PDB file of N, CA and C in Angstrom:
ATOM      1  N   UNK A   1      -5.958   2.305  58.850  1.00  0.00           N
ATOM      2  CA  UNK A   1      -6.847   2.826  57.827  1.00  0.00           C
ATOM      3  C   UNK A   1      -8.172   2.071  57.933  1.00  0.00           C
ATOM      4  N   UNK A   2      -9.292   2.792  57.858  1.00  0.00           N
ATOM      5  CA  UNK A   2     -10.596   2.170  57.949  1.00  0.00           C
ATOM      6  C   UNK A   2     -10.963   1.420  56.689  1.00  0.00           C
ATOM      7  N   UNK A   3     -11.949   0.538  56.831  1.00  0.00           N
ATOM      8  CA  UNK A   3     -12.361  -0.272  55.673  1.00  0.00           C
ATOM      9  C   UNK A   3     -12.926   0.582  54.556  1.00  0.00           C
ATOM     10  N   UNK A   4     -13.653   1.672  54.904  1.00  0.00           N
ATOM     11  CA  UNK A   4     -14.201   2.553  53.872  1.00  0.00           C
ATOM     12  C   UNK A   4     -13.090   3.224  53.071  1.00  0.00           C
ATOM     13  N   UNK A   5     -12.058   3.676  53.762  1.00  0.00           N
ATOM     14  CA  UNK A   5     -10.934   4.322  53.073  1.00  0.00           C
ATOM     15  C   UNK A   5     -10.210   3.320  52.177  1.00  0.00           C
ATOM     16  N   UNK A   6     -10.084   2.088  52.648  1.00  0.00           N
ATOM     17  CA  UNK A   6      -9.427   1.056  51.844  1.00  0.00           C
ATOM     18  C   UNK A   6     -10.231   0.776  50.577  1.00  0.00           C
ATOM     19  N   UNK A   7     -11.579   0.730  50.695  1.00  0.00           N
ATOM     20  CA  UNK A   7     -12.428   0.498  49.525  1.00  0.00           C
ATOM     21  C   UNK A   7     -12.276   1.644  48.532  1.00  0.00           C
ATOM     22  N   UNK A   8     -12.285   2.900  49.037  1.00  0.00           N
ATOM     23  CA  UNK A   8     -12.133   4.067  48.169  1.00  0.00           C
ATOM     24  C   UNK A   8     -10.786   4.038  47.458  1.00  0.00           C
ATOM     25  N   UNK A   9      -9.739   3.694  48.193  1.00  0.00           N
ATOM     26  CA  UNK A   9      -8.404   3.640  47.605  1.00  0.00           C
ATOM     27  C   UNK A   9      -8.340   2.563  46.521  1.00  0.00           C
ATOM     28  N   UNK A  10      -8.993   1.431  46.766  1.00  0.00           N
ATOM     29  CA  UNK A  10      -9.003   0.348  45.778  1.00  0.00           C
ATOM     30  C   UNK A  10      -9.738   0.787  44.516  1.00  0.00           C
ATOM     31  N   UNK A  11     -10.870   1.499  44.674  1.00  0.00           N
ATOM     32  CA  UNK A  11     -11.621   1.986  43.522  1.00  0.00           C
ATOM     33  C   UNK A  11     -10.755   2.919  42.682  1.00  0.00           C
ATOM     34  N   UNK A  12     -10.041   3.841  43.348  1.00  0.00           N
ATOM     35  CA  UNK A  12      -9.192   4.786  42.635  1.00  0.00           C
ATOM     36  C   UNK A  12      -8.051   4.068  41.934  1.00  0.00           C
ATOM     37  N   UNK A  13      -7.444   3.104  42.592  1.00  0.00           N
ATOM     38  CA  UNK A  13      -6.324   2.403  41.962  1.00  0.00           C
ATOM     39  C   UNK A  13      -6.796   1.590  40.758  1.00  0.00           C
ATOM     40  N   UNK A  14      -8.034   1.076  40.803  1.00  0.00           N
ATOM     41  CA  UNK A  14      -8.573   0.362  39.649  1.00  0.00           C
ATOM     42  C   UNK A  14      -8.748   1.306  38.466  1.00  0.00           C
ATOM     43  N   UNK A  15      -9.127   2.551  38.728  1.00  0.00           N
ATOM     44  CA  UNK A  15      -9.295   3.538  37.667  1.00  0.00           C
ATOM     45  C   UNK A  15      -7.956   3.863  37.013  1.00  0.00           C
ATOM     46  N   UNK A  16      -6.884   3.757  37.776  1.00  0.00           N
ATOM     47  CA  UNK A  16      -5.556   4.111  37.276  1.00  0.00           C
ATOM     48  C   UNK A  16      -4.768   2.900  36.789  1.00  0.00           C
ATOM     49  N   UNK A  17      -5.379   1.729  36.776  1.00  0.00           N
ATOM     50  CA  UNK A  17      -4.665   0.502  36.424  1.00  0.00           C
ATOM     51  C   UNK A  17      -3.919   0.583  35.104  1.00  0.00           C
ATOM     52  N   UNK A  18      -4.574   1.066  34.038  1.00  0.00           N
ATOM     53  CA  UNK A  18      -3.905   1.087  32.743  1.00  0.00           C
ATOM     54  C   UNK A  18      -3.136   2.375  32.500  1.00  0.00           C
ATOM     55  N   UNK A  19      -3.068   3.244  33.482  1.00  0.00           N
ATOM     56  CA  UNK A  19      -2.345   4.497  33.321  1.00  0.00           C
ATOM     57  C   UNK A  19      -0.854   4.264  33.528  1.00  0.00           C
ATOM     58  N   UNK A  20      -0.057   4.738  32.564  1.00  0.00           N
ATOM     59  CA  UNK A  20       1.391   4.598  32.656  1.00  0.00           C
ATOM     60  C   UNK A  20       2.021   5.927  32.283  1.00  0.00           C
ATOM     61  N   UNK A  21       2.968   6.375  33.091  1.00  0.00           N
ATOM     62  CA  UNK A  21       3.671   7.629  32.804  1.00  0.00           C
ATOM     63  C   UNK A  21       5.156   7.406  33.064  1.00  0.00           C
ATOM     64  N   UNK A  22       5.964   7.891  32.147  1.00  0.00           N
ATOM     65  CA  UNK A  22       7.421   7.743  32.248  1.00  0.00           C
ATOM     66  C   UNK A  22       8.090   9.011  31.754  1.00  0.00           C
ATOM     67  N   UNK A  23       9.347   9.168  32.122  1.00  0.00           N
ATOM     68  CA  UNK A  23      10.163  10.264  31.596  1.00  0.00           C
ATOM     69  C   UNK A  23      11.268   9.621  30.770  1.00  0.00           C
ATOM     70  N   UNK A  24      11.340   9.997  29.491  1.00  0.00           N
ATOM     71  CA  UNK A  24      12.321   9.357  28.606  1.00  0.00           C
ATOM     72  C   UNK A  24      13.711   9.979  28.792  1.00  0.00           C
ATOM     73  N   UNK A  25      14.656   9.515  28.005  1.00  0.00           N
ATOM     74  CA  UNK A  25      16.054   9.965  28.145  1.00  0.00           C
ATOM     75  C   UNK A  25      16.252  11.431  27.801  1.00  0.00           C
ATOM     76  N   UNK A  26      15.257  12.051  27.153  1.00  0.00           N
ATOM     77  CA  UNK A  26      15.345  13.473  26.808  1.00  0.00           C
ATOM     78  C   UNK A  26      14.615  14.360  27.824  1.00  0.00           C
ATOM     79  N   UNK A  27      14.085  13.740  28.888  1.00  0.00           N
ATOM     80  CA  UNK A  27      13.370  14.487  29.917  1.00  0.00           C
ATOM     81  C   UNK A  27      11.921  14.772  29.550  1.00  0.00           C
ATOM     82  N   UNK A  28      11.442  14.101  28.508  1.00  0.00           N
ATOM     83  CA  UNK A  28      10.056  14.300  28.074  1.00  0.00           C
ATOM     84  C   UNK A  28       9.133  13.329  28.813  1.00  0.00           C
ATOM     85  N   UNK A  29       7.951  13.814  29.146  1.00  0.00           N
ATOM     86  CA  UNK A  29       6.959  12.959  29.789  1.00  0.00           C
ATOM     87  C   UNK A  29       6.249  12.157  28.711  1.00  0.00           C
ATOM     88  N   UNK A  30       6.245  10.845  28.877  1.00  0.00           N
ATOM     89  CA  UNK A  30       5.606   9.942  27.925  1.00  0.00           C
ATOM     90  C   UNK A  30       4.524   9.184  28.686  1.00  0.00           C
ATOM     91  N   UNK A  31       3.301   9.218  28.163  1.00  0.00           N
ATOM     92  CA  UNK A  31       2.187   8.550  28.825  1.00  0.00           C
ATOM     93  C   UNK A  31       1.313   7.845  27.804  1.00  0.00           C
ATOM     94  N   UNK A  32       0.557   6.875  28.275  1.00  0.00           N
ATOM     95  CA  UNK A  32      -0.349   6.150  27.390  1.00  0.00           C
ATOM     96  C   UNK A  32      -1.768   6.726  27.438  1.00  0.00           C
ATOM     97  N   UNK A  33      -1.943   7.835  28.125  1.00  0.00           N
ATOM     98  CA  UNK A  33      -3.241   8.480  28.283  1.00  0.00           C
ATOM     99  C   UNK A  33      -3.157   9.911  27.769  1.00  0.00           C
ATOM    100  N   UNK A  34      -4.195  10.371  27.115  1.00  0.00           N
ATOM    101  CA  UNK A  34      -4.177  11.747  26.613  1.00  0.00           C
ATOM    102  C   UNK A  34      -4.224  12.746  27.766  1.00  0.00           C
ATOM    103  N   UNK A  35      -3.688  13.910  27.527  1.00  0.00           N
ATOM    104  CA  UNK A  35      -3.668  14.963  28.542  1.00  0.00           C
ATOM    105  C   UNK A  35      -5.094  15.345  28.931  1.00  0.00           C
ATOM    106  N   UNK A  36      -5.996  15.371  27.960  1.00  0.00           N
ATOM    107  CA  UNK A  36      -7.383  15.735  28.238  1.00  0.00           C
ATOM    108  C   UNK A  36      -8.031  14.728  29.189  1.00  0.00           C
ATOM    109  N   UNK A  37      -7.799  13.445  28.949  1.00  0.00           N
ATOM    110  CA  UNK A  37      -8.367  12.395  29.803  1.00  0.00           C
ATOM    111  C   UNK A  37      -7.768  12.481  31.207  1.00  0.00           C
ATOM    112  N   UNK A  38      -6.476  12.719  31.293  1.00  0.00           N
ATOM    113  CA  UNK A  38      -5.807  12.859  32.585  1.00  0.00           C
ATOM    114  C   UNK A  38      -6.349  14.063  33.346  1.00  0.00           C
ATOM    115  N   UNK A  39      -6.533  15.193  32.670  1.00  0.00           N
ATOM    116  CA  UNK A  39      -7.078  16.385  33.314  1.00  0.00           C
ATOM    117  C   UNK A  39      -8.499  16.157  33.814  1.00  0.00           C
ATOM    118  N   UNK A  40      -9.320  15.460  33.039  1.00  0.00           N
ATOM    119  CA  UNK A  40     -10.684  15.149  33.479  1.00  0.00           C
ATOM    120  C   UNK A  40     -10.658  14.325  34.759  1.00  0.00           C
ATOM    121  N   UNK A  41      -9.778  13.316  34.793  1.00  0.00           N
ATOM    122  CA  UNK A  41      -9.655  12.470  35.978  1.00  0.00           C
ATOM    123  C   UNK A  41      -9.225  13.295  37.189  1.00  0.00           C
ATOM    124  N   UNK A  42      -8.219  14.133  37.008  1.00  0.00           N
ATOM    125  CA  UNK A  42      -7.727  14.948  38.120  1.00  0.00           C
ATOM    126  C   UNK A  42      -8.779  15.950  38.594  1.00  0.00           C
ATOM    127  N   UNK A  43      -9.487  16.577  37.661  1.00  0.00           N
ATOM    128  CA  UNK A  43     -10.530  17.521  38.037  1.00  0.00           C
ATOM    129  C   UNK A  43     -11.638  16.844  38.833  1.00  0.00           C
ATOM    130  N   UNK A  44     -11.942  15.616  38.478  1.00  0.00           N
ATOM    131  CA  UNK A  44     -13.010  14.882  39.148  1.00  0.00           C
ATOM    132  C   UNK A  44     -12.581  14.396  40.533  1.00  0.00           C
ATOM    133  N   UNK A  45     -11.318  14.022  40.681  1.00  0.00           N
ATOM    134  CA  UNK A  45     -10.878  13.326  41.893  1.00  0.00           C
ATOM    135  C   UNK A  45     -10.016  14.137  42.850  1.00  0.00           C
ATOM    136  N   UNK A  46      -9.567  15.311  42.431  1.00  0.00           N
ATOM    137  CA  UNK A  46      -8.722  16.120  43.311  1.00  0.00           C
ATOM    138  C   UNK A  46      -9.288  17.523  43.459  1.00  0.00           C
ATOM    139  N   UNK A  47      -9.102  18.073  44.641  1.00  0.00           N
ATOM    140  CA  UNK A  47      -9.520  19.439  44.882  1.00  0.00           C
ATOM    141  C   UNK A  47      -8.316  20.356  44.638  1.00  0.00           C
ATOM    142  N   UNK A  48      -8.514  21.416  43.876  1.00  0.00           N
ATOM    143  CA  UNK A  48      -7.432  22.343  43.562  1.00  0.00           C
ATOM    144  C   UNK A  48      -7.241  23.295  44.741  1.00  0.00           C
ATOM    145  N   UNK A  49      -6.116  23.189  45.417  1.00  0.00           N
ATOM    146  CA  UNK A  49      -5.844  24.000  46.603  1.00  0.00           C
ATOM    147  C   UNK A  49      -5.757  25.487  46.266  1.00  0.00           C
ATOM    148  N   UNK A  50      -5.243  25.822  45.096  1.00  0.00           N
ATOM    149  CA  UNK A  50      -5.122  27.225  44.706  1.00  0.00           C
ATOM    150  C   UNK A  50      -6.503  27.844  44.512  1.00  0.00           C
ATOM    151  N   UNK A  51      -7.406  27.118  43.870  1.00  0.00           N
ATOM    152  CA  UNK A  51      -8.757  27.636  43.680  1.00  0.00           C
ATOM    153  C   UNK A  51      -9.484  27.764  45.011  1.00  0.00           C
ATOM    154  N   UNK A  52      -9.278  26.822  45.901  1.00  0.00           N
ATOM    155  CA  UNK A  52      -9.921  26.854  47.203  1.00  0.00           C
ATOM    156  C   UNK A  52      -9.477  28.076  47.996  1.00  0.00           C
ATOM    157  N   UNK A  53      -8.179  28.375  47.998  1.00  0.00           N
ATOM    158  CA  UNK A  53      -7.669  29.520  48.745  1.00  0.00           C
ATOM    159  C   UNK A  53      -8.111  30.841  48.118  1.00  0.00           C
ATOM    160  N   UNK A  54      -8.245  30.903  46.792  1.00  0.00           N
ATOM    161  CA  UNK A  54      -8.695  32.139  46.157  1.00  0.00           C
ATOM    162  C   UNK A  54     -10.177  32.366  46.433  1.00  0.00           C
ATOM    163  N   UNK A  55     -10.970  31.317  46.539  1.00  0.00           N
ATOM    164  CA  UNK A  55     -12.383  31.465  46.892  1.00  0.00           C
ATOM    165  C   UNK A  55     -12.519  32.004  48.306  1.00  0.00           C
ATOM    166  N   UNK A  56     -11.688  31.522  49.219  1.00  0.00           N
ATOM    167  CA  UNK A  56     -11.721  32.001  50.596  1.00  0.00           C
ATOM    168  C   UNK A  56     -11.345  33.480  50.647  1.00  0.00           C
ATOM    169  N   UNK A  57     -10.375  33.894  49.848  1.00  0.00           N
ATOM    170  CA  UNK A  57      -9.944  35.287  49.815  1.00  0.00           C
ATOM    171  C   UNK A  57     -11.073  36.183  49.294  1.00  0.00           C
ATOM    172  N   UNK A  58     -11.809  35.726  48.311  1.00  0.00           N
ATOM    173  CA  UNK A  58     -12.907  36.499  47.738  1.00  0.00           C
ATOM    174  C   UNK A  58     -14.039  36.672  48.736  1.00  0.00           C
ATOM    175  N   UNK A  59     -14.274  35.639  49.569  1.00  0.00           N
ATOM    176  CA  UNK A  59     -15.365  35.693  50.533  1.00  0.00           C
ATOM    177  C   UNK A  59     -15.070  36.682  51.653  1.00  0.00           C
ATOM    178  N   UNK A  60     -13.819  36.922  51.973  1.00  0.00           N
ATOM    179  CA  UNK A  60     -13.458  37.810  53.092  1.00  0.00           C
ATOM    180  C   UNK A  60     -13.485  39.217  52.697  1.00  0.00           C
TER     181      UNK A  60
END
């Protein structure tokens, strides 16, 4: 892994440091972060593959 990728990975892991997610005995997802905050983070840092493929379909 290159040094740039390692720096990027470290930055991302620092952003997720206080994030905790667990599944309790009832199968419920329990987290210390609100769903809205989690969605904002994911929207900012991940590309949605479904949206990408639908955009390609529209262009053709």
